């Protein structure tokens, strides 16, 4: 039981993801989380307002099923199959985050200073989340997919645009972490 409760090492989780990707490729499917937002908008009737949402969304119901499975699996893993192991952050990173005002860096996946109900009462946090959401949405649409779509599906099918996108994600993450984040907090 302890093996299930602890974080799984890369040599277990990586091959499991590879098996899923091989099965999707075998069945001619491409996976990506952000494409489901397009599907949900199409189901809601967004095709009446924009041609981008005019497609046969019924062909993507399998992808929505994967999302539902990810949500259910994440809930079960978080609530029933996890122990209280702290996130393994570099001690220097913890100190840097604490200097920016993140008191419990590494204690949870998402910092309470940004992702709690209390944090939403702060105009600064609200503006950061709205601008961040717009930039993620724009970037995902502009890049033709999100990080999971390009990094997992795109790279596993040897797509050059996905390699370029993933390199861009890493460069953007480094710029955000080292240059912009210290200015915000």
Foldseek 3Di string as FASTA:
>chain_A
DVQQADDDDCVVVVVVLVVVLVVCVVVPHAAADVVVVLLVCLVVPCCVPDVSSPDDSVVVVVNVVVVVVVVVVVVCCVPPRYDQDFADDDPVVVVVVVVLPQPDPRRDPDGCCQPPPVNCVDPLSVVVVVVVVVVQVVLQVVLVGHLCRLVRRVVVVPHPSSVVVNVVVVVVVVCCVPPVSSVSD
